[in-house]
Amino acid sequence: PVGTGPGSVSIAPDGAHAYVTNQYDNTVSVIDTTTSTV
């Protein structure tokens, strides 16, 4: 689960985190790619 209106995702070079833009919340969700949690 992330914020509303997600637009893009980008992965950190070490693969440990993903960054998702939430257009309607004006936020970015940070995801731990090992645990699949924000």
PDB file of all heavy atoms in Angstrom:
ATOM      1  N   PRO A   1       0.831  -1.213   0.000  1.00  0.00           N
ATOM      2  CA  PRO A   1       0.000   0.000   0.000  1.00  0.00           C
ATOM      3  C   PRO A   1       0.860   1.256   0.000  1.00  0.00           C
ATOM      4  O   PRO A   1       1.819   1.371   0.768  1.00  0.00           O
ATOM      5  CB  PRO A   1      -0.802  -0.125   1.297  1.00  0.00           C
ATOM      6  CG  PRO A   1       0.033  -0.993   2.179  1.00  0.00           C
ATOM      7  CD  PRO A   1       0.761  -1.944   1.277  1.00  0.00           C
ATOM      8  N   VAL A   2       0.528   2.200  -0.892  1.00  0.00           N
ATOM      9  CA  VAL A   2       1.242   3.482  -0.961  1.00  0.00           C
ATOM     10  C   VAL A   2       0.205   4.604  -0.918  1.00  0.00           C
ATOM     11  O   VAL A   2      -0.950   4.379  -0.579  1.00  0.00           O
ATOM     12  CB  VAL A   2       2.097   3.560  -2.244  1.00  0.00           C
ATOM     13  CG1 VAL A   2       3.223   2.525  -2.205  1.00  0.00           C
ATOM     14  CG2 VAL A   2       1.245   3.379  -3.496  1.00  0.00           C
ATOM     15  N   GLY A   3       0.632   5.828  -1.263  1.00  0.00           N
ATOM     16  CA  GLY A   3      -0.303   6.956  -1.292  1.00  0.00           C
ATOM     17  C   GLY A   3      -1.178   6.933  -2.530  1.00  0.00           C
ATOM     18  O   GLY A   3      -1.093   6.027  -3.360  1.00  0.00           O
ATOM     19  N   THR A   4      -2.023   7.955  -2.677  1.00  0.00           N
ATOM     20  CA  THR A   4      -2.943   8.003  -3.817  1.00  0.00           C
ATOM     21  C   THR A   4      -2.293   8.657  -5.018  1.00  0.00           C
ATOM     22  O   THR A   4      -1.468   9.561  -4.901  1.00  0.00           O
ATOM     23  CB  THR A   4      -4.219   8.778  -3.442  1.00  0.00           C
ATOM     24  OG1 THR A   4      -3.861  10.058  -2.932  1.00  0.00           O
ATOM     25  CG2 THR A   4      -5.021   8.030  -2.398  1.00  0.00           C
ATOM     26  N   GLY A   5      -2.698   8.143  -6.207  1.00  0.00           N
ATOM     27  CA  GLY A   5      -2.195   8.696  -7.456  1.00  0.00           C
ATOM     28  C   GLY A   5      -0.731   8.415  -7.703  1.00  0.00           C
ATOM     29  O   GLY A   5      -0.011   9.331  -8.140  1.00  0.00           O
ATOM     30  N   PRO A   6      -0.260   7.199  -7.457  1.00  0.00           N
ATOM     31  CA  PRO A   6       1.153   6.937  -7.709  1.00  0.00           C
ATOM     32  C   PRO A   6       1.488   7.149  -9.172  1.00  0.00           C
ATOM     33  O   PRO A   6       0.732   6.745 -10.064  1.00  0.00           O
ATOM     34  CB  PRO A   6       1.324   5.475  -7.283  1.00  0.00           C
ATOM     35  CG  PRO A   6      -0.042   4.885  -7.354  1.00  0.00           C
ATOM     36  CD  PRO A   6      -0.967   5.983  -6.997  1.00  0.00           C
ATOM     37  N   GLY A   7       2.650   7.779  -9.420  1.00  0.00           N
ATOM     38  CA  GLY A   7       3.002   8.127 -10.787  1.00  0.00           C
ATOM     39  C   GLY A   7       4.207   7.399 -11.320  1.00  0.00           C
ATOM     40  O   GLY A   7       4.187   6.878 -12.427  1.00  0.00           O
ATOM     41  N   SER A   8       5.292   7.348 -10.550  1.00  0.00           N
ATOM     42  CA  SER A   8       6.517   6.708 -11.018  1.00  0.00           C
ATOM     43  C   SER A   8       7.189   5.977  -9.877  1.00  0.00           C
ATOM     44  O   SER A   8       6.913   6.239  -8.700  1.00  0.00           O
ATOM     45  CB  SER A   8       7.489   7.759 -11.587  1.00  0.00           C
ATOM     46  OG  SER A   8       6.960   8.404 -12.715  1.00  0.00           O
ATOM     47  N   VAL A   9       8.087   5.069 -10.244  1.00  0.00           N
ATOM     48  CA  VAL A   9       8.879   4.357  -9.257  1.00  0.00           C
ATOM     49  C   VAL A   9      10.329   4.347  -9.721  1.00  0.00           C
ATOM     50  O   VAL A   9      10.606   4.261 -10.913  1.00  0.00           O
ATOM     51  CB  VAL A   9       8.368   2.920  -9.037  1.00  0.00           C
ATOM     52  CG1 VAL A   9       8.435   2.110 -10.316  1.00  0.00           C
ATOM     53  CG2 VAL A   9       9.155   2.223  -7.933  1.00  0.00           C
ATOM     54  N   SER A  10      11.255   4.464  -8.774  1.00  0.00           N
ATOM     55  CA  SER A  10      12.681   4.385  -9.083  1.00  0.00           C
ATOM     56  C   SER A  10      13.360   3.585  -7.986  1.00  0.00           C
ATOM     57  O   SER A  10      12.993   3.686  -6.810  1.00  0.00           O
ATOM     58  CB  SER A  10      13.308   5.787  -9.178  1.00  0.00           C
ATOM     59  OG  SER A  10      14.668   5.726  -9.553  1.00  0.00           O
ATOM     60  N   ILE A  11      14.332   2.777  -8.378  1.00  0.00           N
ATOM     61  CA  ILE A  11      15.026   1.895  -7.448  1.00  0.00           C
ATOM     62  C   ILE A  11      16.414   2.452  -7.147  1.00  0.00           C
ATOM     63  O   ILE A  11      17.127   2.894  -8.051  1.00  0.00           O
ATOM     64  CB  ILE A  11      15.168   0.470  -8.029  1.00  0.00           C
ATOM     65  CG1 ILE A  11      13.827  -0.024  -8.567  1.00  0.00           C
ATOM     66  CG2 ILE A  11      15.737  -0.480  -6.992  1.00  0.00           C
ATOM     67  CD1 ILE A  11      12.764  -0.177  -7.547  1.00  0.00           C
ATOM     68  N   ALA A  12      16.794   2.450  -5.875  1.00  0.00           N
ATOM     69  CA  ALA A  12      18.135   2.886  -5.482  1.00  0.00           C
ATOM     70  C   ALA A  12      19.170   1.967  -6.119  1.00  0.00           C
ATOM     71  O   ALA A  12      18.890   0.805  -6.395  1.00  0.00           O
ATOM     72  CB  ALA A  12      18.274   2.862  -3.957  1.00  0.00           C
ATOM     73  N   PRO A  13      20.384   2.474  -6.370  1.00  0.00           N
ATOM     74  CA  PRO A  13      21.383   1.670  -7.072  1.00  0.00           C
ATOM     75  C   PRO A  13      21.771   0.389  -6.356  1.00  0.00           C
ATOM     76  O   PRO A  13      22.171  -0.584  -6.993  1.00  0.00           O
ATOM     77  CB  PRO A  13      22.585   2.623  -7.200  1.00  0.00           C
ATOM     78  CG  PRO A  13      22.347   3.702  -6.205  1.00  0.00           C
ATOM     79  CD  PRO A  13      20.873   3.845  -6.101  1.00  0.00           C
ATOM     80  N   ASP A  14      21.629   0.351  -5.030  1.00  0.00           N
ATOM     81  CA  ASP A  14      21.950  -0.885  -4.318  1.00  0.00           C
ATOM     82  C   ASP A  14      20.766  -1.842  -4.253  1.00  0.00           C
ATOM     83  O   ASP A  14      20.864  -2.945  -3.715  1.00  0.00           O
ATOM     84  CB  ASP A  14      22.461  -0.590  -2.901  1.00  0.00           C
ATOM     85  CG  ASP A  14      21.429   0.119  -2.033  1.00  0.00           C
ATOM     86  OD1 ASP A  14      20.297   0.359  -2.506  1.00  0.00           O
ATOM     87  OD2 ASP A  14      21.770   0.442  -0.879  1.00  0.00           O
ATOM     88  N   GLY A  15      19.630  -1.437  -4.827  1.00  0.00           N
ATOM     89  CA  GLY A  15      18.452  -2.289  -4.866  1.00  0.00           C
ATOM     90  C   GLY A  15      17.708  -2.412  -3.557  1.00  0.00           C
ATOM     91  O   GLY A  15      16.720  -3.141  -3.469  1.00  0.00           O
ATOM     92  N   ALA A  16      18.123  -1.700  -2.514  1.00  0.00           N
ATOM     93  CA  ALA A  16      17.536  -1.873  -1.190  1.00  0.00           C
ATOM     94  C   ALA A  16      16.219  -1.120  -1.016  1.00  0.00           C
ATOM     95  O   ALA A  16      15.399  -1.510  -0.177  1.00  0.00           O
ATOM     96  CB  ALA A  16      18.521  -1.433  -0.117  1.00  0.00           C
ATOM     97  N   HIS A  17      16.019  -0.037  -1.760  1.00  0.00           N
ATOM     98  CA  HIS A  17      14.807   0.767  -1.585  1.00  0.00           C
ATOM     99  C   HIS A  17      14.230   1.185  -2.935  1.00  0.00           C
ATOM    100  O   HIS A  17      14.964   1.365  -3.913  1.00  0.00           O
ATOM    101  CB  HIS A  17      15.096   2.024  -0.752  1.00  0.00           C
ATOM    102  CG  HIS A  17      15.469   1.729   0.667  1.00  0.00           C
ATOM    103  ND1 HIS A  17      16.778   1.530   1.070  1.00  0.00           N
ATOM    104  CD2 HIS A  17      14.692   1.565   1.781  1.00  0.00           C
ATOM    105  CE1 HIS A  17      16.791   1.268   2.364  1.00  0.00           C
ATOM    106  NE2 HIS A  17      15.551   1.272   2.816  1.00  0.00           N
ATOM    107  N   ALA A  18      12.896   1.325  -2.946  1.00  0.00           N
ATOM    108  CA  ALA A  18      12.185   1.862  -4.098  1.00  0.00           C
ATOM    109  C   ALA A  18      11.478   3.140  -3.659  1.00  0.00           C
ATOM    110  O   ALA A  18      11.039   3.268  -2.511  1.00  0.00           O
ATOM    111  CB  ALA A  18      11.172   0.847  -4.620  1.00  0.00           C
ATOM    112  N   TYR A  19      11.362   4.096  -4.593  1.00  0.00           N
ATOM    113  CA  TYR A  19      10.740   5.392  -4.307  1.00  0.00           C
ATOM    114  C   TYR A  19       9.561   5.580  -5.269  1.00  0.00           C
ATOM    115  O   TYR A  19       9.734   5.518  -6.489  1.00  0.00           O
ATOM    116  CB  TYR A  19      11.760   6.518  -4.459  1.00  0.00           C
ATOM    117  CG  TYR A  19      12.937   6.343  -3.531  1.00  0.00           C
ATOM    118  CD1 TYR A  19      14.038   5.572  -3.899  1.00  0.00           C
ATOM    119  CD2 TYR A  19      12.929   6.903  -2.259  1.00  0.00           C
ATOM    120  CE1 TYR A  19      15.099   5.371  -3.026  1.00  0.00           C
ATOM    121  CE2 TYR A  19      13.987   6.709  -1.378  1.00  0.00           C
ATOM    122  CZ  TYR A  19      15.069   5.942  -1.770  1.00  0.00           C
ATOM    123  OH  TYR A  19      16.117   5.733  -0.911  1.00  0.00           O
ATOM    124  N   VAL A  20       8.368   5.779  -4.685  1.00  0.00           N
ATOM    125  CA  VAL A  20       7.135   5.899  -5.474  1.00  0.00           C
ATOM    126  C   VAL A  20       6.532   7.273  -5.237  1.00  0.00           C
ATOM    127  O   VAL A  20       6.294   7.670  -4.089  1.00  0.00           O
ATOM    128  CB  VAL A  20       6.116   4.803  -5.083  1.00  0.00           C
ATOM    129  CG1 VAL A  20       4.824   4.976  -5.874  1.00  0.00           C
ATOM    130  CG2 VAL A  20       6.701   3.421  -5.311  1.00  0.00           C
ATOM    131  N   THR A  21       6.265   8.012  -6.331  1.00  0.00           N
ATOM    132  CA  THR A  21       5.613   9.324  -6.198  1.00  0.00           C
ATOM    133  C   THR A  21       4.109   9.142  -6.059  1.00  0.00           C
ATOM    134  O   THR A  21       3.484   8.371  -6.789  1.00  0.00           O
ATOM    135  CB  THR A  21       5.906  10.218  -7.419  1.00  0.00           C
ATOM    136  OG1 THR A  21       5.498   9.530  -8.607  1.00  0.00           O
ATOM    137  CG2 THR A  21       7.371  10.576  -7.503  1.00  0.00           C
ATOM    138  N   ASN A  22       3.515   9.889  -5.115  1.00  0.00           N
ATOM    139  CA  ASN A  22       2.061   9.888  -4.894  1.00  0.00           C
ATOM    140  C   ASN A  22       1.539  11.267  -5.281  1.00  0.00           C
ATOM    141  O   ASN A  22       1.632  12.226  -4.519  1.00  0.00           O
ATOM    142  CB  ASN A  22       1.756   9.573  -3.427  1.00  0.00           C
ATOM    143  CG  ASN A  22       2.380   8.260  -2.979  1.00  0.00           C
ATOM    144  OD1 ASN A  22       2.211   7.240  -3.621  1.00  0.00           O
ATOM    145  ND2 ASN A  22       3.134   8.293  -1.882  1.00  0.00           N
ATOM    146  N   GLN A  23       0.938  11.363  -6.492  1.00  0.00           N
ATOM    147  CA  GLN A  23       0.606  12.668  -7.055  1.00  0.00           C
ATOM    148  C   GLN A  23      -0.452  13.426  -6.250  1.00  0.00           C
ATOM    149  O   GLN A  23      -0.388  14.651  -6.133  1.00  0.00           O
ATOM    150  CB  GLN A  23       0.100  12.475  -8.487  1.00  0.00           C
ATOM    151  CG  GLN A  23       1.138  11.893  -9.424  1.00  0.00           C
ATOM    152  CD  GLN A  23       0.559  11.620 -10.795  1.00  0.00           C
ATOM    153  OE1 GLN A  23       0.451  12.527 -11.612  1.00  0.00           O
ATOM    154  NE2 GLN A  23       0.164  10.368 -11.023  1.00  0.00           N
ATOM    155  N   TYR A  24      -1.424  12.725  -5.694  1.00  0.00           N
ATOM    156  CA  TYR A  24      -2.515  13.412  -5.017  1.00  0.00           C
ATOM    157  C   TYR A  24      -2.226  13.663  -3.543  1.00  0.00           C
ATOM    158  O   TYR A  24      -2.922  14.448  -2.891  1.00  0.00           O
ATOM    159  CB  TYR A  24      -3.819  12.623  -5.183  1.00  0.00           C
ATOM    160  CG  TYR A  24      -4.148  12.354  -6.638  1.00  0.00           C
ATOM    161  CD1 TYR A  24      -4.616  11.103  -7.049  1.00  0.00           C
ATOM    162  CD2 TYR A  24      -3.951  13.342  -7.601  1.00  0.00           C
ATOM    163  CE1 TYR A  24      -4.899  10.857  -8.383  1.00  0.00           C
ATOM    164  CE2 TYR A  24      -4.231  13.097  -8.941  1.00  0.00           C
ATOM    165  CZ  TYR A  24      -4.698  11.860  -9.337  1.00  0.00           C
ATOM    166  OH  TYR A  24      -4.959  11.618 -10.641  1.00  0.00           O
ATOM    167  N   ASP A  25      -1.187  13.000  -3.013  1.00  0.00           N
ATOM    168  CA  ASP A  25      -0.802  13.226  -1.618  1.00  0.00           C
ATOM    169  C   ASP A  25       0.380  14.189  -1.490  1.00  0.00           C
ATOM    170  O   ASP A  25       0.713  14.626  -0.390  1.00  0.00           O
ATOM    171  CB  ASP A  25      -0.386  11.899  -0.951  1.00  0.00           C
ATOM    172  CG  ASP A  25      -1.554  10.943  -0.768  1.00  0.00           C
ATOM    173  OD1 ASP A  25      -2.700  11.391  -0.946  1.00  0.00           O
ATOM    174  OD2 ASP A  25      -1.300   9.766  -0.464  1.00  0.00           O
ATOM    175  N   ASN A  26       1.021  14.469  -2.640  1.00  0.00           N
ATOM    176  CA  ASN A  26       2.233  15.304  -2.638  1.00  0.00           C
ATOM    177  C   ASN A  26       3.319  14.689  -1.738  1.00  0.00           C
ATOM    178  O   ASN A  26       3.956  15.363  -0.936  1.00  0.00           O
ATOM    179  CB  ASN A  26       1.931  16.740  -2.190  1.00  0.00           C
ATOM    180  CG  ASN A  26       0.918  17.425  -3.093  1.00  0.00           C
ATOM    181  OD1 ASN A  26       0.818  17.100  -4.278  1.00  0.00           O
ATOM    182  ND2 ASN A  26       0.158  18.352  -2.531  1.00  0.00           N
ATOM    183  N   THR A  27       3.473  13.369  -1.894  1.00  0.00           N
ATOM    184  CA  THR A  27       4.468  12.652  -1.080  1.00  0.00           C
ATOM    185  C   THR A  27       5.202  11.635  -1.951  1.00  0.00           C
ATOM    186  O   THR A  27       4.809  11.336  -3.087  1.00  0.00           O
ATOM    187  CB  THR A  27       3.822  11.897   0.101  1.00  0.00           C
ATOM    188  OG1 THR A  27       2.911  10.930  -0.411  1.00  0.00           O
ATOM    189  CG2 THR A  27       3.122  12.858   1.052  1.00  0.00           C
ATOM    190  N   VAL A  28       6.260  11.080  -1.360  1.00  0.00           N
ATOM    191  CA  VAL A  28       6.989   9.957  -1.955  1.00  0.00           C
ATOM    192  C   VAL A  28       7.017   8.838  -0.916  1.00  0.00           C
ATOM    193  O   VAL A  28       7.406   9.058   0.236  1.00  0.00           O
ATOM    194  CB  VAL A  28       8.426  10.352  -2.358  1.00  0.00           C
ATOM    195  CG1 VAL A  28       9.243   9.116  -2.738  1.00  0.00           C
ATOM    196  CG2 VAL A  28       8.408  11.353  -3.501  1.00  0.00           C
ATOM    197  N   SER A  29       6.580   7.637  -1.318  1.00  0.00           N
ATOM    198  CA  SER A  29       6.647   6.469  -0.438  1.00  0.00           C
ATOM    199  C   SER A  29       7.999   5.795  -0.618  1.00  0.00           C
ATOM    200  O   SER A  29       8.457   5.579  -1.747  1.00  0.00           O
ATOM    201  CB  SER A  29       5.534   5.468  -0.763  1.00  0.00           C
ATOM    202  OG  SER A  29       4.260   6.026  -0.502  1.00  0.00           O
ATOM    203  N   VAL A  30       8.641   5.462   0.504  1.00  0.00           N
ATOM    204  CA  VAL A  30       9.927   4.751   0.482  1.00  0.00           C
ATOM    205  C   VAL A  30       9.656   3.296   0.846  1.00  0.00           C
ATOM    206  O   VAL A  30       9.129   2.996   1.914  1.00  0.00           O
ATOM    207  CB  VAL A  30      10.923   5.375   1.485  1.00  0.00           C
ATOM    208  CG1 VAL A  30      12.270   4.647   1.404  1.00  0.00           C
ATOM    209  CG2 VAL A  30      11.091   6.866   1.209  1.00  0.00           C
ATOM    210  N   ILE A  31      10.007   2.380  -0.061  1.00  0.00           N
ATOM    211  CA  ILE A  31       9.714   0.954   0.119  1.00  0.00           C
ATOM    212  C   ILE A  31      11.010   0.188   0.363  1.00  0.00           C
ATOM    213  O   ILE A  31      11.977   0.335  -0.392  1.00  0.00           O
ATOM    214  CB  ILE A  31       8.997   0.382  -1.119  1.00  0.00           C
ATOM    215  CG1 ILE A  31       7.641   1.075  -1.315  1.00  0.00           C
ATOM    216  CG2 ILE A  31       8.816  -1.121  -1.007  1.00  0.00           C
ATOM    217  CD1 ILE A  31       6.943   0.692  -2.601  1.00  0.00           C
ATOM    218  N   ASP A  32      11.006  -0.617   1.409  1.00  0.00           N
ATOM    219  CA  ASP A  32      12.106  -1.543   1.665  1.00  0.00           C
ATOM    220  C   ASP A  32      11.873  -2.756   0.763  1.00  0.00           C
ATOM    221  O   ASP A  32      10.888  -3.479   0.926  1.00  0.00           O
ATOM    222  CB  ASP A  32      12.111  -1.958   3.137  1.00  0.00           C
ATOM    223  CG  ASP A  32      13.275  -2.878   3.495  1.00  0.00           C
ATOM    224  OD1 ASP A  32      13.607  -3.763   2.686  1.00  0.00           O
ATOM    225  OD2 ASP A  32      13.841  -2.714   4.595  1.00  0.00           O
ATOM    226  N   THR A  33      12.769  -2.984  -0.200  1.00  0.00           N
ATOM    227  CA  THR A  33      12.536  -4.052  -1.172  1.00  0.00           C
ATOM    228  C   THR A  33      12.766  -5.447  -0.603  1.00  0.00           C
ATOM    229  O   THR A  33      12.383  -6.434  -1.222  1.00  0.00           O
ATOM    230  CB  THR A  33      13.430  -3.854  -2.406  1.00  0.00           C
ATOM    231  OG1 THR A  33      14.802  -3.855  -2.000  1.00  0.00           O
ATOM    232  CG2 THR A  33      13.110  -2.543  -3.095  1.00  0.00           C
ATOM    233  N   THR A  34      13.402  -5.533   0.558  1.00  0.00           N
ATOM    234  CA  THR A  34      13.601  -6.841   1.189  1.00  0.00           C
ATOM    235  C   THR A  34      12.333  -7.310   1.887  1.00  0.00           C
ATOM    236  O   THR A  34      11.923  -8.471   1.771  1.00  0.00           O
ATOM    237  CB  THR A  34      14.759  -6.803   2.193  1.00  0.00           C
ATOM    238  OG1 THR A  34      15.955  -6.420   1.506  1.00  0.00           O
ATOM    239  CG2 THR A  34      14.965  -8.143   2.864  1.00  0.00           C
ATOM    240  N   THR A  35      11.664  -6.376   2.590  1.00  0.00           N
ATOM    241  CA  THR A  35      10.464  -6.732   3.351  1.00  0.00           C
ATOM    242  C   THR A  35       9.174  -6.365   2.623  1.00  0.00           C
ATOM    243  O   THR A  35       8.091  -6.719   3.080  1.00  0.00           O
ATOM    244  CB  THR A  35      10.477  -6.019   4.719  1.00  0.00           C
ATOM    245  OG1 THR A  35      10.476  -4.590   4.509  1.00  0.00           O
ATOM    246  CG2 THR A  35      11.721  -6.409   5.508  1.00  0.00           C
ATOM    247  N   SER A  36       9.303  -5.635   1.500  1.00  0.00           N
ATOM    248  CA  SER A  36       8.129  -5.170   0.745  1.00  0.00           C
ATOM    249  C   SER A  36       7.180  -4.365   1.625  1.00  0.00           C
ATOM    250  O   SER A  36       5.963  -4.558   1.600  1.00  0.00           O
ATOM    251  CB  SER A  36       7.391  -6.349   0.094  1.00  0.00           C
ATOM    252  OG  SER A  36       8.198  -6.959  -0.877  1.00  0.00           O
ATOM    253  N   THR A  37       7.742  -3.460   2.413  1.00  0.00           N
ATOM    254  CA  THR A  37       6.937  -2.584   3.264  1.00  0.00           C
ATOM    255  C   THR A  37       7.382  -1.140   3.063  1.00  0.00           C
ATOM    256  O   THR A  37       8.537  -0.862   2.715  1.00  0.00           O
ATOM    257  CB  THR A  37       7.104  -2.949   4.752  1.00  0.00           C
ATOM    258  OG1 THR A  37       8.488  -2.867   5.110  1.00  0.00           O
ATOM    259  CG2 THR A  37       6.594  -4.352   5.034  1.00  0.00           C
ATOM    260  N   VAL A  38       6.445  -0.230   3.300  1.00  0.00           N
ATOM    261  CA  VAL A  38       6.760   1.194   3.257  1.00  0.00           C
ATOM    262  C   VAL A  38       7.418   1.579   4.576  1.00  0.00           C
ATOM    263  O   VAL A  38       6.840   1.399   5.651  1.00  0.00           O
ATOM    264  CB  VAL A  38       5.502   2.044   3.011  1.00  0.00           C
ATOM    265  CG1 VAL A  38       5.816   3.535   3.142  1.00  0.00           C
ATOM    266  CG2 VAL A  38       4.919   1.751   1.633  1.00  0.00           C
TER     267      VAL A  38
END
